[in-house]
């Protein structure tokens, strides 16, 4: 059995119509998934790529 990320939480910037992104922790990575398509997979980023991703979001 493949382990799954834990502690999924919804973004505070997500819409009320279900248009949201969730973030969870998974064995040294941060996982991101679309709540409308939870079974379609997730993106997992290590600490450095995750920090770069957040920095890019903050600049947008």
N, C-alpha and C. Protein backbone atom coordinates (compact mmCIF):
# COMPACT_ATOMS: atom_id res chain seq x y z
N UNK A 1 0.84 -1.19 0.00
CA UNK A 1 0.00 0.00 0.00
C UNK A 1 0.88 1.25 0.00
N UNK A 2 0.55 2.21 -0.82
CA UNK A 2 1.29 3.46 -0.90
C UNK A 2 0.82 4.41 0.19
N UNK A 3 1.76 5.05 0.86
CA UNK A 3 1.37 5.99 1.90
C UNK A 3 0.79 7.25 1.27
N UNK A 4 -0.05 7.91 2.03
CA UNK A 4 -0.74 9.11 1.56
C UNK A 4 -0.33 10.31 2.41
N UNK A 5 -0.38 11.50 1.84
CA UNK A 5 -0.12 12.71 2.63
C UNK A 5 -1.11 12.83 3.78
N UNK A 6 -0.68 13.49 4.83
CA UNK A 6 -1.52 13.69 6.01
C UNK A 6 -1.80 15.17 6.22
N UNK A 7 -2.83 15.44 7.02
CA UNK A 7 -3.13 16.81 7.43
C UNK A 7 -3.54 17.73 6.32
N UNK A 8 -4.31 17.23 5.35
CA UNK A 8 -4.75 18.10 4.25
C UNK A 8 -5.48 19.31 4.82
N UNK A 9 -5.18 20.48 4.29
CA UNK A 9 -5.88 21.70 4.70
C UNK A 9 -6.17 22.55 3.47
N UNK A 10 -7.28 23.22 3.51
CA UNK A 10 -7.74 24.04 2.39
C UNK A 10 -7.07 25.41 2.43
N UNK A 11 -6.73 25.91 1.28
CA UNK A 11 -6.14 27.24 1.18
C UNK A 11 -7.13 28.30 1.67
N UNK A 12 -6.62 29.29 2.38
CA UNK A 12 -7.48 30.39 2.84
C UNK A 12 -7.89 31.29 1.67
N UNK A 13 -7.26 31.14 0.52
CA UNK A 13 -7.58 31.93 -0.66
C UNK A 13 -8.53 31.21 -1.62
N UNK A 14 -9.02 30.06 -1.22
CA UNK A 14 -9.91 29.27 -2.07
C UNK A 14 -11.32 29.85 -2.07
N UNK A 15 -12.02 29.63 -3.17
CA UNK A 15 -13.38 30.13 -3.29
C UNK A 15 -14.39 29.29 -2.53
N UNK A 16 -15.59 29.80 -2.39
CA UNK A 16 -16.65 29.10 -1.66
C UNK A 16 -17.42 28.12 -2.55
N UNK A 17 -17.19 28.15 -3.84
CA UNK A 17 -17.90 27.26 -4.76
C UNK A 17 -17.16 25.94 -4.99
N UNK A 18 -16.20 25.62 -4.16
CA UNK A 18 -15.47 24.37 -4.31
C UNK A 18 -14.22 24.51 -5.17
N UNK A 19 -13.92 25.73 -5.60
CA UNK A 19 -12.70 25.96 -6.38
C UNK A 19 -11.55 26.17 -5.41
N UNK A 20 -10.97 25.07 -4.97
CA UNK A 20 -9.92 25.24 -3.97
C UNK A 20 -8.79 24.25 -4.13
N UNK A 21 -7.73 24.58 -3.45
CA UNK A 21 -6.51 23.78 -3.44
C UNK A 21 -6.28 23.36 -1.99
N UNK A 22 -5.80 22.11 -1.80
CA UNK A 22 -5.46 21.62 -0.48
C UNK A 22 -3.98 21.28 -0.44
N UNK A 23 -3.40 21.41 0.74
CA UNK A 23 -2.00 21.12 0.95
C UNK A 23 -1.87 20.12 2.08
N UNK A 24 -0.98 19.15 1.93
CA UNK A 24 -0.73 18.15 2.97
C UNK A 24 0.75 17.81 3.03
N UNK A 25 1.17 17.16 4.10
CA UNK A 25 2.56 16.76 4.29
C UNK A 25 2.74 15.28 3.93
N UNK A 26 3.88 14.95 3.31
CA UNK A 26 4.13 13.57 2.93
C UNK A 26 5.62 13.29 2.87
N UNK A 27 6.14 12.54 3.80
CA UNK A 27 7.52 12.05 3.82
C UNK A 27 8.53 13.04 3.22
N UNK A 28 8.73 14.15 3.87
CA UNK A 28 9.72 15.13 3.42
C UNK A 28 9.29 16.01 2.27
N UNK A 29 8.03 15.93 1.87
CA UNK A 29 7.53 16.77 0.79
C UNK A 29 6.25 17.48 1.22
N UNK A 30 5.85 18.44 0.43
CA UNK A 30 4.56 19.09 0.59
C UNK A 30 3.74 18.71 -0.63
N UNK A 31 2.54 18.20 -0.39
CA UNK A 31 1.67 17.76 -1.48
C UNK A 31 0.56 18.78 -1.71
N UNK A 32 0.20 18.98 -2.96
CA UNK A 32 -0.86 19.91 -3.34
C UNK A 32 -1.83 19.17 -4.24
N UNK A 33 -3.14 19.37 -4.02
CA UNK A 33 -4.15 18.74 -4.87
C UNK A 33 -5.34 19.67 -5.06
N UNK A 34 -6.07 19.42 -6.14
CA UNK A 34 -7.30 20.15 -6.46
C UNK A 34 -8.45 19.41 -5.78
N UNK A 35 -9.24 20.11 -4.98
CA UNK A 35 -10.32 19.44 -4.26
C UNK A 35 -11.41 18.90 -5.18
N UNK A 36 -11.52 19.43 -6.39
CA UNK A 36 -12.52 18.92 -7.33
C UNK A 36 -12.07 17.62 -7.98
N UNK A 37 -10.78 17.30 -7.86
CA UNK A 37 -10.23 16.11 -8.54
C UNK A 37 -9.26 15.37 -7.61
N UNK A 38 -9.66 15.13 -6.39
CA UNK A 38 -8.78 14.52 -5.39
C UNK A 38 -8.20 13.18 -5.83
N UNK A 39 -8.96 12.40 -6.56
CA UNK A 39 -8.50 11.07 -6.96
C UNK A 39 -7.60 11.09 -8.19
N UNK A 40 -7.42 12.24 -8.80
CA UNK A 40 -6.61 12.34 -10.02
C UNK A 40 -5.13 12.54 -9.74
N UNK A 41 -4.76 12.63 -8.49
CA UNK A 41 -3.35 12.76 -8.16
C UNK A 41 -3.03 14.04 -7.42
N UNK A 42 -1.74 14.23 -7.23
CA UNK A 42 -1.27 15.39 -6.47
C UNK A 42 0.13 15.75 -6.97
N UNK A 43 0.52 16.95 -6.67
CA UNK A 43 1.87 17.43 -6.96
C UNK A 43 2.62 17.42 -5.63
N UNK A 44 3.82 16.82 -5.60
CA UNK A 44 4.63 16.81 -4.39
C UNK A 44 5.95 17.53 -4.65
N UNK A 45 6.28 18.45 -3.75
CA UNK A 45 7.49 19.25 -3.89
C UNK A 45 8.34 19.12 -2.63
N UNK A 46 9.65 19.01 -2.82
CA UNK A 46 10.59 19.00 -1.70
C UNK A 46 10.68 20.40 -1.09
N UNK A 47 11.44 20.54 0.00
CA UNK A 47 11.51 21.83 0.70
C UNK A 47 11.96 23.01 -0.16
N UNK A 48 13.00 22.85 -0.96
CA UNK A 48 13.50 23.96 -1.77
C UNK A 48 12.52 24.34 -2.89
N UNK A 49 12.01 23.38 -3.67
CA UNK A 49 11.02 23.75 -4.69
C UNK A 49 9.74 24.34 -4.08
N UNK A 50 9.33 23.86 -2.90
CA UNK A 50 8.14 24.39 -2.24
C UNK A 50 8.36 25.85 -1.85
N UNK A 51 9.51 26.15 -1.30
CA UNK A 51 9.83 27.54 -0.93
C UNK A 51 9.86 28.45 -2.15
N UNK A 52 10.42 27.95 -3.25
CA UNK A 52 10.45 28.72 -4.50
C UNK A 52 9.04 28.95 -5.02
N UNK A 53 8.20 27.92 -4.96
CA UNK A 53 6.81 28.03 -5.37
C UNK A 53 6.08 29.10 -4.57
N UNK A 54 6.23 29.08 -3.24
CA UNK A 54 5.57 30.07 -2.38
C UNK A 54 6.06 31.47 -2.65
N UNK A 55 7.35 31.62 -2.88
CA UNK A 55 7.91 32.94 -3.20
C UNK A 55 7.29 33.47 -4.50
N UNK A 56 7.16 32.59 -5.49
CA UNK A 56 6.53 33.00 -6.75
C UNK A 56 5.08 33.43 -6.56
N UNK A 57 4.35 32.71 -5.73
CA UNK A 57 2.95 33.06 -5.46
C UNK A 57 2.84 34.43 -4.78
N UNK A 58 3.73 34.70 -3.87
CA UNK A 58 3.70 35.96 -3.14
C UNK A 58 3.99 37.15 -4.05
N UNK A 59 4.77 36.90 -5.10
CA UNK A 59 5.10 37.98 -6.05
C UNK A 59 3.97 38.24 -7.04
N UNK A 60 3.11 37.26 -7.23
CA UNK A 60 2.03 37.37 -8.22
C UNK A 60 0.96 38.34 -7.79
